[in-house]
Amino acid sequence: MKEKKESALPAKTAGDVLHAIAKGALSGIPIGGGVAAEMFGLVLAPPLSKRRDMWFESLAERLAIDRS
């Protein structure tokens, strides 16, 4: 099994695809589907965005440690 590097960028997973499918399905609803899809996106952030944010935070922490 491959060892995951701490500095590796986050990759898409099945959860990301499922989130996109759900948002797309909501947007297909004739009346109010677009609003429902946007609300879904606001309430439940895409998993990749969460992992990317955590990656940026860990990068900032490592850079701060290197500067001290």
N, C-alpha and C. Protein backbone atom coordinates (compact mmCIF):
# COMPACT_ATOMS: atom_id res chain seq x y z
N MET A 1 0.84 -1.17 0.00
CA MET A 1 0.00 0.00 0.00
C MET A 1 0.88 1.24 0.00
N LYS A 2 0.50 2.24 -0.80
CA LYS A 2 1.29 3.46 -0.90
C LYS A 2 1.17 4.28 0.38
N GLU A 3 2.28 4.86 0.78
CA GLU A 3 2.27 5.74 1.94
C GLU A 3 1.87 7.13 1.48
N LYS A 4 0.91 7.75 2.17
CA LYS A 4 0.42 9.07 1.79
C LYS A 4 1.36 10.14 2.32
N LYS A 5 1.80 11.01 1.43
CA LYS A 5 2.66 12.11 1.84
C LYS A 5 1.82 13.19 2.49
N GLU A 6 2.35 13.78 3.55
CA GLU A 6 1.62 14.84 4.24
C GLU A 6 1.44 16.06 3.34
N SER A 7 2.39 16.31 2.45
CA SER A 7 2.32 17.49 1.60
C SER A 7 1.55 17.26 0.30
N ALA A 8 1.06 16.04 0.08
CA ALA A 8 0.34 15.74 -1.16
C ALA A 8 -0.99 16.49 -1.20
N LEU A 9 -1.33 17.00 -2.37
CA LEU A 9 -2.61 17.68 -2.54
C LEU A 9 -3.75 16.69 -2.36
N PRO A 10 -4.89 17.16 -1.81
CA PRO A 10 -6.04 16.27 -1.66
C PRO A 10 -6.58 15.84 -3.04
N ALA A 11 -7.00 14.60 -3.14
CA ALA A 11 -7.55 14.07 -4.39
C ALA A 11 -9.05 13.84 -4.24
N LYS A 12 -9.74 13.77 -5.37
CA LYS A 12 -11.18 13.51 -5.36
C LYS A 12 -11.45 12.09 -4.90
N THR A 13 -12.57 11.93 -4.20
CA THR A 13 -12.98 10.61 -3.73
C THR A 13 -14.42 10.34 -4.17
N ALA A 14 -14.93 9.18 -3.81
CA ALA A 14 -16.31 8.82 -4.13
C ALA A 14 -17.28 9.79 -3.46
N GLY A 15 -16.93 10.29 -2.28
CA GLY A 15 -17.79 11.25 -1.59
C GLY A 15 -17.94 12.54 -2.36
N ASP A 16 -16.88 12.95 -3.05
CA ASP A 16 -16.94 14.15 -3.88
C ASP A 16 -17.89 13.95 -5.06
N VAL A 17 -17.82 12.78 -5.66
CA VAL A 17 -18.69 12.47 -6.79
C VAL A 17 -20.14 12.41 -6.33
N LEU A 18 -20.38 11.78 -5.19
CA LEU A 18 -21.73 11.68 -4.65
C LEU A 18 -22.30 13.06 -4.34
N HIS A 19 -21.49 13.95 -3.80
CA HIS A 19 -21.94 15.31 -3.50
C HIS A 19 -22.34 16.03 -4.79
N ALA A 20 -21.55 15.89 -5.84
CA ALA A 20 -21.85 16.53 -7.12
C ALA A 20 -23.13 15.97 -7.74
N ILE A 21 -23.32 14.66 -7.63
CA ILE A 21 -24.53 14.03 -8.17
C ILE A 21 -25.76 14.53 -7.43
N ALA A 22 -25.67 14.61 -6.09
CA ALA A 22 -26.81 15.08 -5.30
C ALA A 22 -27.14 16.53 -5.65
N LYS A 23 -26.14 17.37 -5.78
CA LYS A 23 -26.38 18.77 -6.12
C LYS A 23 -26.98 18.89 -7.52
N GLY A 24 -26.48 18.08 -8.45
CA GLY A 24 -27.03 18.08 -9.80
C GLY A 24 -28.47 17.61 -9.83
N ALA A 25 -28.79 16.58 -9.04
CA ALA A 25 -30.16 16.07 -8.98
C ALA A 25 -31.10 17.13 -8.41
N LEU A 26 -30.66 17.84 -7.40
CA LEU A 26 -31.48 18.91 -6.83
C LEU A 26 -31.73 20.02 -7.84
N SER A 27 -30.71 20.35 -8.62
CA SER A 27 -30.87 21.43 -9.58
C SER A 27 -31.82 21.04 -10.72
N GLY A 28 -32.07 19.76 -10.90
CA GLY A 28 -32.99 19.29 -11.93
C GLY A 28 -34.45 19.42 -11.55
N ILE A 29 -34.75 19.75 -10.31
CA ILE A 29 -36.14 19.93 -9.88
C ILE A 29 -36.67 21.20 -10.56
N PRO A 30 -37.82 21.11 -11.25
CA PRO A 30 -38.30 22.25 -12.05
C PRO A 30 -38.50 23.57 -11.28
N ILE A 31 -39.18 23.54 -10.18
CA ILE A 31 -39.44 24.79 -9.45
C ILE A 31 -38.63 24.78 -8.16
N GLY A 32 -37.70 25.70 -8.06
CA GLY A 32 -36.89 25.82 -6.85
C GLY A 32 -35.69 24.90 -6.78
N GLY A 33 -35.42 24.17 -7.84
CA GLY A 33 -34.30 23.24 -7.82
C GLY A 33 -32.95 23.93 -7.75
N GLY A 34 -32.83 25.04 -8.46
CA GLY A 34 -31.58 25.79 -8.43
C GLY A 34 -31.28 26.33 -7.04
N VAL A 35 -32.32 26.85 -6.39
CA VAL A 35 -32.15 27.36 -5.03
C VAL A 35 -31.82 26.22 -4.08
N ALA A 36 -32.51 25.09 -4.23
CA ALA A 36 -32.25 23.93 -3.37
C ALA A 36 -30.81 23.45 -3.55
N ALA A 37 -30.32 23.43 -4.78
CA ALA A 37 -28.96 22.98 -5.04
C ALA A 37 -27.94 23.92 -4.40
N GLU A 38 -28.18 25.22 -4.49
CA GLU A 38 -27.26 26.18 -3.88
C GLU A 38 -27.29 26.08 -2.36
N MET A 39 -28.46 25.90 -1.79
CA MET A 39 -28.57 25.74 -0.33
C MET A 39 -27.84 24.47 0.11
N PHE A 40 -27.98 23.41 -0.66
CA PHE A 40 -27.28 22.16 -0.38
C PHE A 40 -25.77 22.41 -0.37
N GLY A 41 -25.29 23.17 -1.35
CA GLY A 41 -23.86 23.48 -1.43
C GLY A 41 -23.38 24.34 -0.27
N LEU A 42 -24.24 25.22 0.23
CA LEU A 42 -23.87 26.07 1.36
C LEU A 42 -23.86 25.29 2.67
N VAL A 43 -24.86 24.45 2.85
CA VAL A 43 -25.00 23.70 4.11
C VAL A 43 -23.98 22.56 4.18
N LEU A 44 -23.82 21.85 3.09
CA LEU A 44 -22.88 20.72 3.06
C LEU A 44 -21.78 21.04 2.05
N ALA A 45 -20.67 21.53 2.54
CA ALA A 45 -19.55 21.84 1.66
C ALA A 45 -19.04 20.56 1.01
N PRO A 46 -18.59 20.66 -0.23
CA PRO A 46 -18.04 19.47 -0.88
C PRO A 46 -16.87 18.90 -0.07
N PRO A 47 -16.80 17.58 0.06
CA PRO A 47 -15.72 16.96 0.84
C PRO A 47 -14.32 17.39 0.39
N LEU A 48 -14.13 17.57 -0.91
CA LEU A 48 -12.81 17.98 -1.41
C LEU A 48 -12.45 19.36 -0.89
N SER A 49 -13.43 20.25 -0.80
CA SER A 49 -13.17 21.60 -0.27
C SER A 49 -12.72 21.54 1.19
N LYS A 50 -13.36 20.67 1.95
CA LYS A 50 -12.97 20.52 3.37
C LYS A 50 -11.53 20.01 3.48
N ARG A 51 -11.22 18.99 2.67
CA ARG A 51 -9.86 18.44 2.72
C ARG A 51 -8.84 19.46 2.22
N ARG A 52 -9.20 20.24 1.20
CA ARG A 52 -8.30 21.27 0.68
C ARG A 52 -8.05 22.34 1.74
N ASP A 53 -9.11 22.75 2.45
CA ASP A 53 -8.95 23.75 3.52
C ASP A 53 -8.04 23.24 4.62
N MET A 54 -8.21 21.96 5.01
CA MET A 54 -7.34 21.38 6.03
C MET A 54 -5.90 21.31 5.54
N TRP A 55 -5.71 21.01 4.24
CA TRP A 55 -4.37 20.96 3.66
C TRP A 55 -3.71 22.33 3.72
N PHE A 56 -4.48 23.38 3.35
CA PHE A 56 -3.93 24.73 3.40
C PHE A 56 -3.56 25.13 4.83
N GLU A 57 -4.41 24.76 5.80
CA GLU A 57 -4.11 25.07 7.21
C GLU A 57 -2.84 24.37 7.66
N SER A 58 -2.67 23.10 7.30
CA SER A 58 -1.47 22.38 7.70
C SER A 58 -0.24 22.97 7.01
N LEU A 59 -0.39 23.41 5.78
CA LEU A 59 0.71 24.05 5.06
C LEU A 59 1.11 25.36 5.75
N ALA A 60 0.11 26.16 6.13
CA ALA A 60 0.39 27.42 6.82
C ALA A 60 1.08 27.17 8.16
N GLU A 61 0.65 26.13 8.88
CA GLU A 61 1.28 25.80 10.16
C GLU A 61 2.73 25.39 9.96
N ARG A 62 2.99 24.57 8.93
CA ARG A 62 4.37 24.14 8.67
C ARG A 62 5.24 25.33 8.26
N LEU A 63 4.70 26.26 7.49
CA LEU A 63 5.45 27.43 7.10
C LEU A 63 5.73 28.33 8.31
N ALA A 64 4.76 28.43 9.21
CA ALA A 64 4.95 29.24 10.41
C ALA A 64 6.03 28.64 11.31
N ILE A 65 6.05 27.31 11.41
CA ILE A 65 7.06 26.64 12.22
C ILE A 65 8.45 26.84 11.61
N ASP A 66 8.54 26.77 10.27
CA ASP A 66 9.82 26.95 9.59
C ASP A 66 10.38 28.37 9.78
N ARG A 67 9.51 29.34 9.93
CA ARG A 67 9.96 30.73 10.08
C ARG A 67 10.44 31.02 11.49
N SER A 68 10.02 30.23 12.47
CA SER A 68 10.43 30.54 13.85
C SER A 68 11.81 30.08 14.18
